[in-house]
Amino acid sequence: MNTTYSTPNYILPDLIEIQRASFRWFLEEGLIEELNSFSPITDYTGKMELHFLGKDYKLKRPKYDVDEAKRRDSTYSVQMYVPTRLINKETGEIKEMEVFIGDLPLMTDRGTFIINGAERVIVNQIVRSPGVYYKSEIDKNGRRTYSASLIPNRGAWLKFETDRNGLVWVRIDKTRKLSAQVLLKALGLTDAEITDALRHPEYYEKTLAKEGNPNEEEALIELYKKLRPGEPPTVAGGQQLLESRFFDPKRYDLGKVGRYKINKKLRLNVPDSV
């Protein structure tokens, strides 16, 4: 009788390859996207523009290797330079030069960073992925309510929710709720466009009957009152507030993942750049 036991051979995955691959993506794509996200920079007069040519950035050789950085209590990093283009919009004059941005810490083969001689590691934080999330609940009165949260990669969260009376409300960045039609009308949508896009337009129609049906200007003023309480509301102020919250790419961005998930859930075919 054979009583010998064999130990199964397990091939362990390279557990730090995820960190290394993520840092490679950052150097090859993420850093370029970030540089391009705030280019161009315009001065307050609107006459001068500074453009960052992110795809042509350069990294110098590290001053110290990993072991030397540890011995010297230094940081294992490289100097980063980015080509820039300064444009005088009045004269058309263009100046180009390479600008030093700062020191960029490098990842070691172990997936760590050397900061002031100490080896550090990035601990990932689990956060909600951008996209749209639905929720159904039973309130304390036994009535079912629904909500839909629109979470961007960067910018204000939007949450549409129904109450026990079947009215539709919206919260912007967890602020006080306002009637959904106020936001939709402020965006310039008509009643026909809104109801045509809804599977259950009766919720919207009930909200109109209860909360009123403002035109675009009235909706912009009401929106400004909710988001800027205590300040004199104006149509121009409401329009500027809306554009800065949702139409400025530097302040609001769904991201590629967010756009993909929204397209998939809502059966849309909107480009990733929108």
Protein backbone atom coordinates (compact mmCIF):
# COMPACT_ATOMS: atom_id res chain seq x y z
CA MET A 1 0.00 0.00 0.00
CA ASN A 2 1.42 3.36 -1.03
CA THR A 3 1.15 5.80 1.86
CA THR A 4 3.18 8.63 0.33
CA TYR A 5 1.48 11.92 -0.31
CA SER A 6 2.46 14.38 -2.97
CA THR A 7 2.32 18.09 -2.44
CA PRO A 8 0.40 19.81 -5.24
CA ASN A 9 2.33 22.40 -7.19
CA TYR A 10 0.70 25.81 -7.11
CA ILE A 11 1.91 28.63 -9.29
CA LEU A 12 1.42 31.85 -7.40
CA PRO A 13 0.67 34.92 -9.51
CA ASP A 14 2.91 37.96 -9.43
CA LEU A 15 0.90 39.87 -6.85
CA ILE A 16 2.68 43.19 -7.37
CA GLU A 17 2.37 43.17 -11.17
CA ILE A 18 -0.93 45.05 -10.81
CA GLN A 19 0.94 47.91 -9.12
CA ARG A 20 3.70 47.92 -11.73
CA ALA A 21 1.24 47.78 -14.63
CA SER A 22 -0.76 50.64 -13.11
CA PHE A 23 2.36 52.80 -12.80
CA ARG A 24 3.37 52.01 -16.39
CA TRP A 25 -0.09 53.13 -17.54
CA PHE A 26 0.34 56.32 -15.50
CA LEU A 27 3.66 57.11 -17.22
CA GLU A 28 2.46 56.21 -20.72
CA GLU A 29 -1.09 57.58 -20.68
CA GLY A 30 -2.36 58.91 -17.36
CA LEU A 31 0.28 61.61 -16.94
CA ILE A 32 -0.31 62.86 -20.47
CA GLU A 33 -4.08 63.00 -19.90
CA GLU A 34 -3.57 64.94 -16.69
CA LEU A 35 -1.25 67.48 -18.32
CA ASN A 36 -3.66 67.99 -21.20
CA SER A 37 -6.65 68.34 -18.85
CA PHE A 38 -5.62 71.84 -17.70
CA SER A 39 -4.14 73.04 -20.98
CA PRO A 40 -4.36 75.76 -22.15
CA ILE A 41 -4.02 78.18 -19.25
CA THR A 42 -5.28 81.67 -20.10
CA ASP A 43 -4.34 84.85 -18.24
CA TYR A 44 -7.07 87.07 -16.79
CA THR A 45 -6.95 89.45 -19.78
CA GLY A 46 -7.48 86.61 -22.26
CA LYS A 47 -4.47 87.77 -24.31
CA MET A 48 -1.96 85.06 -23.41
CA GLU A 49 -2.33 81.27 -23.58
CA LEU A 50 0.05 78.67 -22.21
CA HIS A 51 -0.20 75.22 -23.80
CA PHE A 52 1.36 72.09 -22.32
CA LEU A 53 2.52 69.57 -24.94
CA GLY A 54 1.96 66.64 -22.61
CA LYS A 55 2.71 63.82 -25.05
CA ASP A 56 6.29 65.09 -25.45
CA TYR A 57 7.19 65.26 -21.75
CA LYS A 58 10.64 64.04 -20.72
CA LEU A 59 12.04 62.34 -17.64
CA LYS A 60 15.72 62.75 -16.78
CA ARG A 61 17.81 59.93 -15.33
CA PRO A 62 17.46 59.43 -11.54
CA LYS A 63 20.15 61.18 -9.53
CA TYR A 64 20.49 58.14 -7.25
CA ASP A 65 19.61 54.49 -7.69
CA VAL A 66 17.35 52.71 -5.18
CA ASP A 67 20.10 51.66 -2.75
CA GLU A 68 21.85 55.02 -2.88
CA ALA A 69 18.57 56.86 -2.25
CA LYS A 70 18.05 54.75 0.87
CA ARG A 71 21.58 55.41 2.15
CA ARG A 72 21.26 59.15 1.61
CA ASP A 73 17.72 59.38 3.07
CA SER A 74 16.72 60.75 -0.31
CA THR A 75 13.82 60.15 -2.70
CA TYR A 76 14.14 57.83 -5.68
CA SER A 77 12.80 60.16 -8.35
CA VAL A 78 13.38 61.79 -11.71
CA GLN A 79 13.11 65.36 -12.89
CA MET A 80 10.19 65.99 -15.20
CA TYR A 81 10.23 68.50 -18.07
CA VAL A 82 7.32 69.43 -20.31
CA PRO A 83 7.50 71.38 -23.60
CA THR A 84 5.25 74.44 -23.50
CA ARG A 85 3.97 76.90 -26.07
CA LEU A 86 3.16 80.48 -25.06
CA ILE A 87 0.86 82.25 -27.51
CA ASN A 88 0.23 86.00 -27.61
CA LYS A 89 -3.27 86.13 -29.10
CA GLU A 90 -2.95 89.85 -29.91
CA THR A 91 0.31 89.72 -31.88
CA GLY A 92 0.30 86.05 -32.87
CA GLU A 93 3.79 85.66 -31.39
CA ILE A 94 4.61 82.10 -30.26
CA LYS A 95 7.36 81.10 -27.85
CA GLU A 96 8.28 77.51 -27.08
CA MET A 97 10.39 76.29 -24.20
CA GLU A 98 10.90 73.26 -21.98
CA VAL A 99 9.66 73.81 -18.42
CA PHE A 100 10.73 71.96 -15.28
CA ILE A 101 7.55 70.69 -13.58
CA GLY A 102 9.01 68.93 -10.55
CA ASP A 103 10.45 65.68 -9.24
CA LEU A 104 8.42 62.56 -9.97
CA PRO A 105 8.90 59.58 -7.60
CA LEU A 106 9.63 56.34 -9.44
CA MET A 107 8.31 52.90 -8.58
CA THR A 108 10.89 50.23 -7.79
CA ASP A 109 10.80 46.68 -9.13
CA ARG A 110 9.21 45.69 -5.81
CA GLY A 111 6.22 47.96 -6.48
CA THR A 112 7.29 50.44 -3.79
CA PHE A 113 8.54 54.03 -3.63
CA ILE A 114 11.58 55.38 -1.78
CA ILE A 115 10.56 58.63 -0.05
CA ASN A 116 13.22 60.36 2.08
CA GLY A 117 15.06 57.06 2.39
CA ALA A 118 12.03 55.10 3.60
CA GLU A 119 10.34 52.46 1.48
CA ARG A 120 6.66 53.23 1.01
CA VAL A 121 3.82 51.39 -0.67
CA ILE A 122 0.51 52.68 -2.03
CA VAL A 123 -2.53 51.17 -0.33
CA ASN A 124 -5.46 51.01 -2.72
CA GLN A 125 -8.76 52.44 -1.59
CA ILE A 126 -11.98 50.83 -2.73
CA VAL A 127 -14.32 53.50 -4.09
CA ARG A 128 -17.44 53.36 -6.20
CA SER A 129 -16.70 53.17 -9.88
CA PRO A 130 -18.15 56.02 -11.99
CA GLY A 131 -21.50 55.17 -13.55
CA VAL A 132 -25.20 55.08 -12.71
CA TYR A 133 -26.57 53.11 -9.76
CA TYR A 134 -30.20 52.23 -9.06
CA LYS A 135 -31.78 51.52 -5.70
CA SER A 136 -35.22 50.46 -4.52
CA GLU A 137 -36.32 50.76 -0.88
CA ILE A 138 -39.39 50.41 1.32
CA ASP A 139 -39.91 53.54 3.43
CA LYS A 140 -41.22 53.58 7.00
CA ASN A 141 -44.79 53.82 5.68
CA GLY A 142 -44.41 50.65 3.65
CA ARG A 143 -44.26 52.43 0.30
CA ARG A 144 -41.63 51.64 -2.30
CA THR A 145 -39.31 54.44 -3.39
CA TYR A 146 -36.67 54.52 -6.10
CA SER A 147 -33.43 56.39 -6.64
CA ALA A 148 -30.75 56.67 -9.33
CA SER A 149 -27.29 58.04 -8.52
CA LEU A 150 -25.08 59.39 -11.30
CA ILE A 151 -21.46 59.27 -10.12
CA PRO A 152 -18.80 60.96 -12.28
CA ASN A 153 -15.07 60.40 -12.24
CA ARG A 154 -14.69 64.03 -11.18
CA GLY A 155 -17.34 66.53 -10.15
CA ALA A 156 -20.76 66.79 -8.54
CA TRP A 157 -22.86 63.71 -7.80
CA LEU A 158 -26.47 63.68 -9.02
CA LYS A 159 -29.15 61.67 -7.28
CA PHE A 160 -32.70 61.40 -8.62
CA GLU A 161 -35.22 59.99 -6.14
CA THR A 162 -38.95 59.50 -5.72
CA ASP A 163 -40.85 60.15 -2.51
CA ARG A 164 -43.86 58.35 -1.05
CA ASN A 165 -46.18 60.52 -3.15
CA GLY A 166 -44.49 59.52 -6.40
CA LEU A 167 -42.85 62.92 -6.96
CA VAL A 168 -39.37 63.07 -8.49
CA TRP A 169 -36.59 65.07 -6.81
CA VAL A 170 -32.91 65.59 -7.44
CA ARG A 171 -29.95 66.26 -5.14
CA ILE A 172 -26.74 67.85 -6.40
CA ASP A 173 -23.74 66.80 -4.31
CA LYS A 174 -26.00 65.74 -1.43
CA THR A 175 -27.42 69.26 -1.06
CA ARG A 176 -31.07 70.02 -0.33
CA LYS A 177 -33.36 68.36 -2.82
CA LEU A 178 -35.17 70.28 -5.53
CA SER A 179 -37.84 69.24 -8.01
CA ALA A 180 -36.38 67.26 -10.88
CA GLN A 181 -38.06 69.43 -13.49
CA VAL A 182 -36.12 72.46 -12.21
CA LEU A 183 -32.79 70.91 -13.18
CA LEU A 184 -34.11 69.44 -16.43
CA LYS A 185 -35.73 72.71 -17.51
CA ALA A 186 -32.59 74.66 -16.52
CA LEU A 187 -30.69 72.41 -18.94
CA GLY A 188 -32.97 73.68 -21.71
CA LEU A 189 -35.06 70.53 -22.15
CA THR A 190 -38.73 70.74 -23.13
CA ASP A 191 -41.57 68.74 -21.59
CA ALA A 192 -41.86 66.69 -24.78
CA GLU A 193 -38.15 65.84 -24.81
CA ILE A 194 -38.28 64.80 -21.16
CA THR A 195 -41.40 62.63 -21.35
CA ASP A 196 -40.24 60.97 -24.59
CA ALA A 197 -37.05 59.85 -22.82
CA LEU A 198 -38.87 58.37 -19.81
CA ARG A 199 -40.27 54.85 -19.53
CA HIS A 200 -42.71 56.01 -16.84
CA PRO A 201 -43.56 59.65 -17.68
CA GLU A 202 -46.43 59.59 -15.16
CA TYR A 203 -43.92 60.30 -12.36
CA TYR A 204 -42.73 63.43 -14.14
CA GLU A 205 -46.27 64.55 -14.97
CA LYS A 206 -47.32 64.11 -11.35
CA THR A 207 -44.33 66.21 -10.25
CA LEU A 208 -45.31 68.97 -12.68
CA ALA A 209 -48.87 69.00 -11.38
CA LYS A 210 -47.72 69.26 -7.77
CA GLU A 211 -44.59 71.44 -7.99
CA GLY A 212 -45.33 73.59 -11.03
CA ASN A 213 -43.88 73.79 -14.52
CA PRO A 214 -41.22 76.53 -14.73
CA ASN A 215 -39.75 77.80 -17.97
CA GLU A 216 -35.98 77.78 -18.50
CA GLU A 217 -35.34 81.20 -16.94
CA GLU A 218 -37.47 80.47 -13.86
CA ALA A 219 -35.71 77.12 -13.46
CA LEU A 220 -32.27 78.77 -13.60
CA ILE A 221 -33.27 81.25 -10.88
CA GLU A 222 -34.70 78.47 -8.68
CA LEU A 223 -31.55 76.39 -9.18
CA TYR A 224 -29.38 79.33 -8.12
CA LYS A 225 -31.50 79.85 -4.99
CA LYS A 226 -30.98 76.23 -3.93
CA LEU A 227 -27.25 76.08 -4.60
CA ARG A 228 -26.37 79.63 -3.55
CA PRO A 229 -28.79 80.47 -0.73
CA GLY A 230 -28.50 84.02 0.54
CA GLU A 231 -27.18 85.45 -2.73
CA PRO A 232 -29.32 87.47 -5.17
CA PRO A 233 -30.53 84.99 -7.82
CA THR A 234 -30.20 85.86 -11.51
CA VAL A 235 -30.68 83.99 -14.77
CA ALA A 236 -27.06 84.67 -15.78
CA GLY A 237 -25.85 83.46 -12.39
CA GLY A 238 -27.86 80.26 -12.70
CA GLN A 239 -26.53 79.63 -16.19
CA GLN A 240 -22.95 80.22 -15.10
CA LEU A 241 -23.40 77.96 -12.08
CA LEU A 242 -24.85 75.17 -14.22
CA GLU A 243 -22.08 75.41 -16.79
CA SER A 244 -19.32 75.41 -14.17
CA ARG A 245 -20.82 72.40 -12.36
CA PHE A 246 -21.54 70.15 -15.33
CA PHE A 247 -20.02 71.51 -18.54
CA ASP A 248 -16.48 72.47 -17.52
CA PRO A 249 -14.21 69.47 -18.28
CA LYS A 250 -11.82 70.59 -15.56
CA ARG A 251 -14.54 70.32 -12.92
CA TYR A 252 -16.83 67.60 -14.28
CA ASP A 253 -15.83 64.44 -16.10
CA LEU A 254 -17.60 61.10 -16.33
CA GLY A 255 -14.39 59.38 -17.38
CA LYS A 256 -14.14 56.55 -19.88
CA VAL A 257 -15.37 53.97 -17.38
CA GLY A 258 -18.33 56.13 -16.33
CA ARG A 259 -19.36 56.84 -19.91
CA TYR A 260 -19.06 53.16 -20.84
CA LYS A 261 -21.22 52.04 -17.91
CA ILE A 262 -23.87 54.70 -18.53
CA ASN A 263 -24.00 53.83 -22.23
CA LYS A 264 -24.40 50.15 -21.36
CA LYS A 265 -27.13 50.62 -18.73
CA LEU A 266 -29.10 53.20 -20.67
CA ARG A 267 -28.45 51.64 -24.09
CA LEU A 268 -26.80 54.75 -25.44
CA ASN A 269 -24.09 55.22 -28.04
CA VAL A 270 -22.43 58.41 -26.81
CA PRO A 271 -18.67 58.85 -27.51
CA ASP A 272 -16.24 58.43 -24.59
CA SER A 273 -15.19 62.07 -24.91
CA VAL A 274 -18.67 63.37 -23.99
